[in-house]
PDB file of all heavy atoms in Angstrom:
ATOM      1  N   ALA A   1      52.285 -30.261 -12.616  1.00  0.00           N
ATOM      2  CA  ALA A   1      52.653 -31.535 -11.990  1.00  0.00           C
ATOM      3  C   ALA A   1      53.735 -31.369 -10.923  1.00  0.00           C
ATOM      4  O   ALA A   1      53.805 -32.156  -9.987  1.00  0.00           O
ATOM      5  CB  ALA A   1      53.116 -32.520 -13.061  1.00  0.00           C
ATOM      6  N   THR A   2      54.578 -30.345 -11.058  1.00  0.00           N
ATOM      7  CA  THR A   2      55.713 -30.204 -10.138  1.00  0.00           C
ATOM      8  C   THR A   2      55.591 -29.025  -9.185  1.00  0.00           C
ATOM      9  O   THR A   2      56.515 -28.781  -8.417  1.00  0.00           O
ATOM     10  CB  THR A   2      57.027 -30.052 -10.938  1.00  0.00           C
ATOM     11  OG1 THR A   2      56.936 -28.868 -11.753  1.00  0.00           O
ATOM     12  CG2 THR A   2      57.282 -31.261 -11.822  1.00  0.00           C
ATOM     13  N   ARG A   3      54.467 -28.323  -9.209  1.00  0.00           N
ATOM     14  CA  ARG A   3      54.387 -27.089  -8.420  1.00  0.00           C
ATOM     15  C   ARG A   3      54.571 -27.340  -6.923  1.00  0.00           C
ATOM     16  O   ARG A   3      55.063 -26.474  -6.202  1.00  0.00           O
ATOM     17  CB  ARG A   3      53.098 -26.323  -8.696  1.00  0.00           C
ATOM     18  CG  ARG A   3      51.843 -26.940  -8.157  1.00  0.00           C
ATOM     19  CD  ARG A   3      50.660 -25.967  -8.067  1.00  0.00           C
ATOM     20  NE  ARG A   3      50.353 -25.278  -9.290  1.00  0.00           N
ATOM     21  CZ  ARG A   3      50.080 -23.968  -9.341  1.00  0.00           C
ATOM     22  NH1 ARG A   3      50.071 -23.242  -8.258  1.00  0.00           N
ATOM     23  NH2 ARG A   3      49.770 -23.403 -10.479  1.00  0.00           N
ATOM     24  N   LYS A   4      54.226 -28.546  -6.425  1.00  0.00           N
ATOM     25  CA  LYS A   4      54.384 -28.829  -4.991  1.00  0.00           C
ATOM     26  C   LYS A   4      55.832 -29.141  -4.628  1.00  0.00           C
ATOM     27  O   LYS A   4      56.236 -28.996  -3.482  1.00  0.00           O
ATOM     28  CB  LYS A   4      53.513 -30.021  -4.592  1.00  0.00           C
ATOM     29  CG  LYS A   4      52.031 -29.760  -4.687  1.00  0.00           C
ATOM     30  CD  LYS A   4      51.247 -31.020  -4.379  1.00  0.00           C
ATOM     31  CE  LYS A   4      49.772 -30.790  -4.620  1.00  0.00           C
ATOM     32  NZ  LYS A   4      49.004 -32.040  -4.590  1.00  0.00           N
ATOM     33  N   PHE A   5      56.606 -29.616  -5.614  1.00  0.00           N
ATOM     34  CA  PHE A   5      57.954 -30.094  -5.316  1.00  0.00           C
ATOM     35  C   PHE A   5      59.054 -29.161  -5.811  1.00  0.00           C
ATOM     36  O   PHE A   5      60.148 -29.152  -5.273  1.00  0.00           O
ATOM     37  CB  PHE A   5      58.171 -31.472  -5.961  1.00  0.00           C
ATOM     38  CG  PHE A   5      57.036 -32.417  -5.720  1.00  0.00           C
ATOM     39  CD1 PHE A   5      56.126 -32.709  -6.728  1.00  0.00           C
ATOM     40  CD2 PHE A   5      56.841 -32.996  -4.473  1.00  0.00           C
ATOM     41  CE1 PHE A   5      55.065 -33.577  -6.509  1.00  0.00           C
ATOM     42  CE2 PHE A   5      55.782 -33.857  -4.250  1.00  0.00           C
ATOM     43  CZ  PHE A   5      54.894 -34.144  -5.262  1.00  0.00           C
ATOM     44  N   TYR A   6      58.758 -28.427  -6.853  1.00  0.00           N
ATOM     45  CA  TYR A   6      59.804 -27.619  -7.470  1.00  0.00           C
ATOM     46  C   TYR A   6      59.224 -26.281  -7.888  1.00  0.00           C
ATOM     47  O   TYR A   6      58.388 -26.214  -8.770  1.00  0.00           O
ATOM     48  CB  TYR A   6      60.368 -28.356  -8.690  1.00  0.00           C
ATOM     49  CG  TYR A   6      61.389 -27.563  -9.477  1.00  0.00           C
ATOM     50  CD1 TYR A   6      62.649 -27.317  -8.947  1.00  0.00           C
ATOM     51  CD2 TYR A   6      61.092 -27.073 -10.743  1.00  0.00           C
ATOM     52  CE1 TYR A   6      63.581 -26.592  -9.666  1.00  0.00           C
ATOM     53  CE2 TYR A   6      62.029 -26.341 -11.468  1.00  0.00           C
ATOM     54  CZ  TYR A   6      63.275 -26.110 -10.923  1.00  0.00           C
ATOM     55  OH  TYR A   6      64.198 -25.401 -11.627  1.00  0.00           O
ATOM     56  N   ALA A   7      59.651 -25.227  -7.217  1.00  0.00           N
ATOM     57  CA  ALA A   7      59.144 -23.895  -7.556  1.00  0.00           C
ATOM     58  C   ALA A   7      60.283 -22.896  -7.471  1.00  0.00           C
ATOM     59  O   ALA A   7      60.464 -22.218  -6.464  1.00  0.00           O
ATOM     60  CB  ALA A   7      58.022 -23.501  -6.602  1.00  0.00           C
ATOM     61  N   PRO A   8      61.108 -22.817  -8.553  1.00  0.00           N
ATOM     62  CA  PRO A   8      62.228 -21.877  -8.494  1.00  0.00           C
ATOM     63  C   PRO A   8      61.770 -20.432  -8.381  1.00  0.00           C
ATOM     64  O   PRO A   8      62.452 -19.601  -7.822  1.00  0.00           O
ATOM     65  CB  PRO A   8      62.963 -22.115  -9.824  1.00  0.00           C
ATOM     66  CG  PRO A   8      61.937 -22.735 -10.721  1.00  0.00           C
ATOM     67  CD  PRO A   8      61.003 -23.501  -9.833  1.00  0.00           C
ATOM     68  N   ARG A   9      60.607 -20.141  -8.936  1.00  0.00           N
ATOM     69  CA  ARG A   9      60.035 -18.801  -8.787  1.00  0.00           C
ATOM     70  C   ARG A   9      58.548 -18.891  -9.081  1.00  0.00           C
ATOM     71  O   ARG A   9      58.074 -19.836  -9.699  1.00  0.00           O
ATOM     72  CB  ARG A   9      60.714 -17.792  -9.701  1.00  0.00           C
ATOM     73  CG  ARG A   9      60.536 -18.030 -11.181  1.00  0.00           C
ATOM     74  CD  ARG A   9      61.396 -17.043 -11.967  1.00  0.00           C
ATOM     75  NE  ARG A   9      61.321 -17.265 -13.380  1.00  0.00           N
ATOM     76  CZ  ARG A   9      60.488 -16.644 -14.201  1.00  0.00           C
ATOM     77  NH1 ARG A   9      59.637 -15.746 -13.748  1.00  0.00           N
ATOM     78  NH2 ARG A   9      60.499 -16.891 -15.500  1.00  0.00           N
ATOM     79  N   GLU A  10      57.823 -17.894  -8.636  1.00  0.00           N
ATOM     80  CA  GLU A  10      56.384 -17.861  -8.878  1.00  0.00           C
ATOM     81  C   GLU A  10      56.109 -17.693 -10.374  1.00  0.00           C
ATOM     82  O   GLU A  10      56.825 -16.973 -11.063  1.00  0.00           O
ATOM     83  CB  GLU A  10      55.758 -16.694  -8.115  1.00  0.00           C
ATOM     84  CG  GLU A  10      55.665 -16.923  -6.621  1.00  0.00           C
ATOM     85  CD  GLU A  10      54.669 -17.990  -6.253  1.00  0.00           C
ATOM     86  OE1 GLU A  10      53.566 -18.006  -6.825  1.00  0.00           O
ATOM     87  OE2 GLU A  10      55.003 -18.834  -5.397  1.00  0.00           O
ATOM     88  N   TRP A  11      55.081 -18.348 -10.858  1.00  0.00           N
ATOM     89  CA  TRP A  11      54.674 -18.128 -12.243  1.00  0.00           C
ATOM     90  C   TRP A  11      53.188 -17.816 -12.250  1.00  0.00           C
ATOM     91  O   TRP A  11      52.429 -18.295 -11.409  1.00  0.00           O
ATOM     92  CB  TRP A  11      55.006 -19.333 -13.123  1.00  0.00           C
ATOM     93  CG  TRP A  11      54.266 -20.594 -12.807  1.00  0.00           C
ATOM     94  CD1 TRP A  11      54.478 -21.424 -11.756  1.00  0.00           C
ATOM     95  CD2 TRP A  11      53.180 -21.166 -13.559  1.00  0.00           C
ATOM     96  NE1 TRP A  11      53.604 -22.480 -11.798  1.00  0.00           N
ATOM     97  CE2 TRP A  11      52.798 -22.353 -12.897  1.00  0.00           C
ATOM     98  CE3 TRP A  11      52.513 -20.793 -14.731  1.00  0.00           C
ATOM     99  CZ2 TRP A  11      51.785 -23.160 -13.354  1.00  0.00           C
ATOM    100  CZ3 TRP A  11      51.503 -21.603 -15.192  1.00  0.00           C
ATOM    101  CH2 TRP A  11      51.149 -22.772 -14.503  1.00  0.00           C
ATOM    102  N   ASP A  12      52.793 -16.967 -13.160  1.00  0.00           N
ATOM    103  CA  ASP A  12      51.412 -16.495 -13.231  1.00  0.00           C
ATOM    104  C   ASP A  12      50.586 -17.483 -14.050  1.00  0.00           C
ATOM    105  O   ASP A  12      50.546 -17.419 -15.276  1.00  0.00           O
ATOM    106  CB  ASP A  12      51.368 -15.104 -13.869  1.00  0.00           C
ATOM    107  CG  ASP A  12      49.993 -14.460 -13.747  1.00  0.00           C
ATOM    108  OD1 ASP A  12      49.001 -15.187 -13.597  1.00  0.00           O
ATOM    109  OD2 ASP A  12      49.925 -13.222 -13.807  1.00  0.00           O
ATOM    110  N   CYS A  13      49.962 -18.412 -13.334  1.00  0.00           N
ATOM    111  CA  CYS A  13      49.175 -19.475 -13.960  1.00  0.00           C
ATOM    112  C   CYS A  13      48.061 -18.893 -14.827  1.00  0.00           C
ATOM    113  O   CYS A  13      47.864 -19.307 -15.971  1.00  0.00           O
ATOM    114  CB  CYS A  13      48.613 -20.371 -12.872  1.00  0.00           C
ATOM    115  SG  CYS A  13      47.539 -21.684 -13.446  1.00  0.00           S
ATOM    116  N   ALA A  14      47.328 -17.918 -14.296  1.00  0.00           N
ATOM    117  CA  ALA A  14      46.186 -17.344 -15.023  1.00  0.00           C
ATOM    118  C   ALA A  14      46.638 -16.672 -16.308  1.00  0.00           C
ATOM    119  O   ALA A  14      45.987 -16.796 -17.352  1.00  0.00           O
ATOM    120  CB  ALA A  14      45.441 -16.348 -14.135  1.00  0.00           C
ATOM    121  N   GLN A  15      47.764 -15.986 -16.255  1.00  0.00           N
ATOM    122  CA  GLN A  15      48.270 -15.299 -17.440  1.00  0.00           C
ATOM    123  C   GLN A  15      48.687 -16.309 -18.516  1.00  0.00           C
ATOM    124  O   GLN A  15      48.390 -16.127 -19.700  1.00  0.00           O
ATOM    125  CB  GLN A  15      49.461 -14.424 -17.052  1.00  0.00           C
ATOM    126  CG  GLN A  15      49.871 -13.450 -18.140  1.00  0.00           C
ATOM    127  CD  GLN A  15      51.055 -12.599 -17.727  1.00  0.00           C
ATOM    128  OE1 GLN A  15      52.011 -13.103 -17.145  1.00  0.00           O
ATOM    129  NE2 GLN A  15      50.996 -11.309 -18.006  1.00  0.00           N
ATOM    130  N   ALA A  16      49.338 -17.393 -18.089  1.00  0.00           N
ATOM    131  CA  ALA A  16      49.757 -18.418 -19.038  1.00  0.00           C
ATOM    132  C   ALA A  16      48.546 -19.087 -19.690  1.00  0.00           C
ATOM    133  O   ALA A  16      48.510 -19.292 -20.904  1.00  0.00           O
ATOM    134  CB  ALA A  16      50.627 -19.462 -18.336  1.00  0.00           C
ATOM    135  N   PHE A  17      47.538 -19.405 -18.884  1.00  0.00           N
ATOM    136  CA  PHE A  17      46.347 -20.045 -19.437  1.00  0.00           C
ATOM    137  C   PHE A  17      45.575 -19.100 -20.352  1.00  0.00           C
ATOM    138  O   PHE A  17      44.954 -19.534 -21.317  1.00  0.00           O
ATOM    139  CB  PHE A  17      45.446 -20.577 -18.317  1.00  0.00           C
ATOM    140  CG  PHE A  17      45.814 -21.966 -17.877  1.00  0.00           C
ATOM    141  CD1 PHE A  17      46.633 -22.170 -16.780  1.00  0.00           C
ATOM    142  CD2 PHE A  17      45.363 -23.074 -18.581  1.00  0.00           C
ATOM    143  CE1 PHE A  17      46.990 -23.450 -16.383  1.00  0.00           C
ATOM    144  CE2 PHE A  17      45.707 -24.348 -18.191  1.00  0.00           C
ATOM    145  CZ  PHE A  17      46.531 -24.542 -17.088  1.00  0.00           C
ATOM    146  N   SER A  18      45.632 -17.797 -20.081  1.00  0.00           N
ATOM    147  CA  SER A  18      44.925 -16.863 -20.949  1.00  0.00           C
ATOM    148  C   SER A  18      45.542 -16.864 -22.352  1.00  0.00           C
ATOM    149  O   SER A  18      44.839 -16.683 -23.346  1.00  0.00           O
ATOM    150  CB  SER A  18      44.933 -15.452 -20.362  1.00  0.00           C
ATOM    151  OG  SER A  18      46.225 -14.882 -20.442  1.00  0.00           O
ATOM    152  N   ARG A  19      46.860 -17.082 -22.458  1.00  0.00           N
ATOM    153  CA  ARG A  19      47.500 -17.186 -23.771  1.00  0.00           C
ATOM    154  C   ARG A  19      46.987 -18.422 -24.514  1.00  0.00           C
ATOM    155  O   ARG A  19      46.743 -18.393 -25.716  1.00  0.00           O
ATOM    156  CB  ARG A  19      49.031 -17.275 -23.631  1.00  0.00           C
ATOM    157  CG  ARG A  19      49.697 -16.023 -23.129  1.00  0.00           C
ATOM    158  CD  ARG A  19      49.460 -14.812 -24.034  1.00  0.00           C
ATOM    159  NE  ARG A  19      50.079 -14.927 -25.338  1.00  0.00           N
ATOM    160  CZ  ARG A  19      51.205 -14.352 -25.689  1.00  0.00           C
ATOM    161  NH1 ARG A  19      51.873 -13.611 -24.813  1.00  0.00           N
ATOM    162  NH2 ARG A  19      51.684 -14.472 -26.899  1.00  0.00           N
ATOM    163  N   VAL A  20      46.807 -19.519 -23.783  1.00  0.00           N
ATOM    164  CA  VAL A  20      46.310 -20.762 -24.388  1.00  0.00           C
ATOM    165  C   VAL A  20      44.863 -20.592 -24.836  1.00  0.00           C
ATOM    166  O   VAL A  20      44.493 -20.986 -25.940  1.00  0.00           O
ATOM    167  CB  VAL A  20      46.444 -21.937 -23.389  1.00  0.00           C
ATOM    168  CG1 VAL A  20      45.701 -23.163 -23.885  1.00  0.00           C
ATOM    169  CG2 VAL A  20      47.913 -22.261 -23.157  1.00  0.00           C
ATOM    170  N   TYR A  21      44.035 -19.985 -23.994  1.00  0.00           N
ATOM    171  CA  TYR A  21      42.617 -19.792 -24.339  1.00  0.00           C
ATOM    172  C   TYR A  21      42.458 -18.895 -25.569  1.00  0.00           C
ATOM    173  O   TYR A  21      41.543 -19.075 -26.362  1.00  0.00           O
ATOM    174  CB  TYR A  21      41.858 -19.155 -23.177  1.00  0.00           C
ATOM    175  CG  TYR A  21      41.759 -20.009 -21.938  1.00  0.00           C
ATOM    176  CD1 TYR A  21      41.858 -19.445 -20.671  1.00  0.00           C
ATOM    177  CD2 TYR A  21      41.570 -21.387 -22.019  1.00  0.00           C
ATOM    178  CE1 TYR A  21      41.776 -20.217 -19.527  1.00  0.00           C
ATOM    179  CE2 TYR A  21      41.491 -22.172 -20.881  1.00  0.00           C
ATOM    180  CZ  TYR A  21      41.596 -21.581 -19.639  1.00  0.00           C
ATOM    181  OH  TYR A  21      41.519 -22.351 -18.516  1.00  0.00           O
ATOM    182  N   ALA A  22      43.364 -17.939 -25.730  1.00  0.00           N
ATOM    183  CA  ALA A  22      43.244 -16.977 -26.831  1.00  0.00           C
ATOM    184  C   ALA A  22      43.722 -17.546 -28.165  1.00  0.00           C
ATOM    185  O   ALA A  22      43.446 -16.978 -29.214  1.00  0.00           O
ATOM    186  CB  ALA A  22      44.044 -15.714 -26.502  1.00  0.00           C
ATOM    187  N   HIS A  23      44.437 -18.681 -28.115  1.00  0.00           N
ATOM    188  CA  HIS A  23      44.996 -19.229 -29.357  1.00  0.00           C
ATOM    189  C   HIS A  23      44.045 -20.252 -29.979  1.00  0.00           C
ATOM    190  O   HIS A  23      43.437 -21.059 -29.291  1.00  0.00           O
ATOM    191  CB  HIS A  23      46.349 -19.893 -29.084  1.00  0.00           C
ATOM    192  CG  HIS A  23      47.035 -20.339 -30.330  1.00  0.00           C
ATOM    193  ND1 HIS A  23      47.623 -19.452 -31.204  1.00  0.00           N
ATOM    194  CD2 HIS A  23      47.193 -21.559 -30.878  1.00  0.00           C
ATOM    195  CE1 HIS A  23      48.123 -20.120 -32.222  1.00  0.00           C
ATOM    196  NE2 HIS A  23      47.871 -21.401 -32.051  1.00  0.00           N
ATOM    197  N   ASP A  24      43.929 -20.198 -31.297  1.00  0.00           N
ATOM    198  CA  ASP A  24      43.093 -21.144 -32.042  1.00  0.00           C
ATOM    199  C   ASP A  24      43.964 -22.305 -32.501  1.00  0.00           C
ATOM    200  O   ASP A  24      44.574 -22.264 -33.560  1.00  0.00           O
ATOM    201  CB  ASP A  24      42.459 -20.436 -33.249  1.00  0.00           C
ATOM    202  CG  ASP A  24      41.584 -21.358 -34.069  1.00  0.00           C
ATOM    203  OD1 ASP A  24      41.179 -22.420 -33.552  1.00  0.00           O
ATOM    204  OD2 ASP A  24      41.296 -21.028 -35.239  1.00  0.00           O
ATOM    205  N   TYR A  25      44.060 -23.333 -31.664  1.00  0.00           N
ATOM    206  CA  TYR A  25      44.895 -24.484 -31.984  1.00  0.00           C
ATOM    207  C   TYR A  25      44.287 -25.277 -33.135  1.00  0.00           C
ATOM    208  O   TYR A  25      43.096 -25.578 -33.124  1.00  0.00           O
ATOM    209  CB  TYR A  25      45.050 -25.399 -30.765  1.00  0.00           C
ATOM    210  CG  TYR A  25      45.994 -24.856 -29.727  1.00  0.00           C
ATOM    211  CD1 TYR A  25      45.525 -24.069 -28.675  1.00  0.00           C
ATOM    212  CD2 TYR A  25      47.350 -25.116 -29.786  1.00  0.00           C
ATOM    213  CE1 TYR A  25      46.398 -23.560 -27.722  1.00  0.00           C
ATOM    214  CE2 TYR A  25      48.230 -24.614 -28.838  1.00  0.00           C
ATOM    215  CZ  TYR A  25      47.740 -23.838 -27.811  1.00  0.00           C
ATOM    216  OH  TYR A  25      48.598 -23.340 -26.871  1.00  0.00           O
ATOM    217  N   GLN A  26      45.106 -25.612 -34.128  1.00  0.00           N
ATOM    218  CA  GLN A  26      44.661 -26.349 -35.301  1.00  0.00           C
ATOM    219  C   GLN A  26      45.309 -27.727 -35.406  1.00  0.00           C
ATOM    220  O   GLN A  26      44.711 -28.651 -35.930  1.00  0.00           O
ATOM    221  CB  GLN A  26      44.993 -25.556 -36.576  1.00  0.00           C
ATOM    222  CG  GLN A  26      44.320 -24.197 -36.650  1.00  0.00           C
ATOM    223  CD  GLN A  26      42.845 -24.290 -36.920  1.00  0.00           C
ATOM    224  OE1 GLN A  26      42.403 -25.156 -37.655  1.00  0.00           O
ATOM    225  NE2 GLN A  26      42.065 -23.409 -36.307  1.00  0.00           N
ATOM    226  N   GLN A  27      46.536 -27.859 -34.945  1.00  0.00           N
ATOM    227  CA  GLN A  27      47.277 -29.100 -35.147  1.00  0.00           C
ATOM    228  C   GLN A  27      46.955 -30.119 -34.063  1.00  0.00           C
ATOM    229  O   GLN A  27      46.945 -29.799 -32.875  1.00  0.00           O
ATOM    230  CB  GLN A  27      48.772 -28.823 -35.151  1.00  0.00           C
ATOM    231  CG  GLN A  27      49.178 -27.926 -36.293  1.00  0.00           C
ATOM    232  CD  GLN A  27      50.519 -27.287 -36.056  1.00  0.00           C
ATOM    233  OE1 GLN A  27      50.846 -26.962 -34.915  1.00  0.00           O
ATOM    234  NE2 GLN A  27      51.277 -27.090 -37.109  1.00  0.00           N
ATOM    235  N   PRO A  28      46.702 -31.360 -34.469  1.00  0.00           N
ATOM    236  CA  PRO A  28      46.363 -32.409 -33.489  1.00  0.00           C
ATOM    237  C   PRO A  28      47.406 -32.569 -32.389  1.00  0.00           C
ATOM    238  O   PRO A  28      47.056 -32.752 -31.221  1.00  0.00           O
ATOM    239  CB  PRO A  28      46.269 -33.678 -34.349  1.00  0.00           C
ATOM    240  CG  PRO A  28      45.918 -33.180 -35.709  1.00  0.00           C
ATOM    241  CD  PRO A  28      46.611 -31.844 -35.853  1.00  0.00           C
ATOM    242  N   MET A  29      48.705 -32.478 -32.729  1.00  0.00           N
ATOM    243  CA  MET A  29      49.749 -32.648 -31.719  1.00  0.00           C
ATOM    244  C   MET A  29      49.680 -31.543 -30.668  1.00  0.00           C
ATOM    245  O   MET A  29      49.792 -31.803 -29.470  1.00  0.00           O
ATOM    246  CB  MET A  29      51.127 -32.664 -32.386  1.00  0.00           C
ATOM    247  CG  MET A  29      52.261 -32.873 -31.404  1.00  0.00           C
ATOM    248  SD  MET A  29      52.208 -34.472 -30.577  1.00  0.00           S
ATOM    249  CE  MET A  29      52.911 -35.510 -31.834  1.00  0.00           C
ATOM    250  N   ALA A  30      49.490 -30.310 -31.105  1.00  0.00           N
ATOM    251  CA  ALA A  30      49.408 -29.189 -30.167  1.00  0.00           C
ATOM    252  C   ALA A  30      48.172 -29.327 -29.277  1.00  0.00           C
ATOM    253  O   ALA A  30      48.224 -29.079 -28.070  1.00  0.00           O
ATOM    254  CB  ALA A  30      49.373 -27.863 -30.920  1.00  0.00           C
ATOM    255  N   ILE A  31      47.057 -29.748 -29.872  1.00  0.00           N
ATOM    256  CA  ILE A  31      45.814 -29.935 -29.104  1.00  0.00           C
ATOM    257  C   ILE A  31      45.998 -31.040 -28.072  1.00  0.00           C
ATOM    258  O   ILE A  31      45.600 -30.902 -26.917  1.00  0.00           O
ATOM    259  CB  ILE A  31      44.643 -30.253 -30.056  1.00  0.00           C
ATOM    260  CG1 ILE A  31      44.339 -29.039 -30.938  1.00  0.00           C
ATOM    261  CG2 ILE A  31      43.398 -30.678 -29.274  1.00  0.00           C
ATOM    262  CD1 ILE A  31      43.408 -29.330 -32.099  1.00  0.00           C
ATOM    263  N   ALA A  32      46.645 -32.144 -28.480  1.00  0.00           N
ATOM    264  CA  ALA A  32      46.858 -33.279 -27.572  1.00  0.00           C
ATOM    265  C   ALA A  32      47.721 -32.879 -26.381  1.00  0.00           C
ATOM    266  O   ALA A  32      47.565 -33.425 -25.285  1.00  0.00           O
ATOM    267  CB  ALA A  32      47.509 -34.433 -28.331  1.00  0.00           C
ATOM    268  N   GLN A  33      48.622 -31.925 -26.568  1.00  0.00           N
ATOM    269  CA  GLN A  33      49.494 -31.528 -25.464  1.00  0.00           C
ATOM    270  C   GLN A  33      48.862 -30.484 -24.553  1.00  0.00           C
ATOM    271  O   GLN A  33      49.183 -30.417 -23.379  1.00  0.00           O
ATOM    272  CB  GLN A  33      50.829 -31.024 -26.020  1.00  0.00           C
ATOM    273  CG  GLN A  33      51.650 -32.148 -26.622  1.00  0.00           C
ATOM    274  CD  GLN A  33      53.027 -31.705 -27.074  1.00  0.00           C
ATOM    275  OE1 GLN A  33      53.380 -30.531 -26.981  1.00  0.00           O
ATOM    276  NE2 GLN A  33      53.811 -32.642 -27.547  1.00  0.00           N
ATOM    277  N   VAL A  34      47.959 -29.682 -25.098  1.00  0.00           N
ATOM    278  CA  VAL A  34      47.381 -28.620 -24.281  1.00  0.00           C
ATOM    279  C   VAL A  34      46.117 -29.072 -23.553  1.00  0.00           C
ATOM    280  O   VAL A  34      45.795 -28.559 -22.472  1.00  0.00           O
ATOM    281  CB  VAL A  34      47.122 -27.357 -25.135  1.00  0.00           C
ATOM    282  CG1 VAL A  34      45.847 -27.446 -25.932  1.00  0.00           C
ATOM    283  CG2 VAL A  34      47.123 -26.107 -24.277  1.00  0.00           C
TER     284      VAL A  34
END
């Protein structure tokens, strides 16, 4: 949401999403946020 306005440093979007894809989320709250 803020990448256009606030970017203190580059972050590896693909690497971060790969951590999410690899995790088996079970809790409704965690699923709702991801």
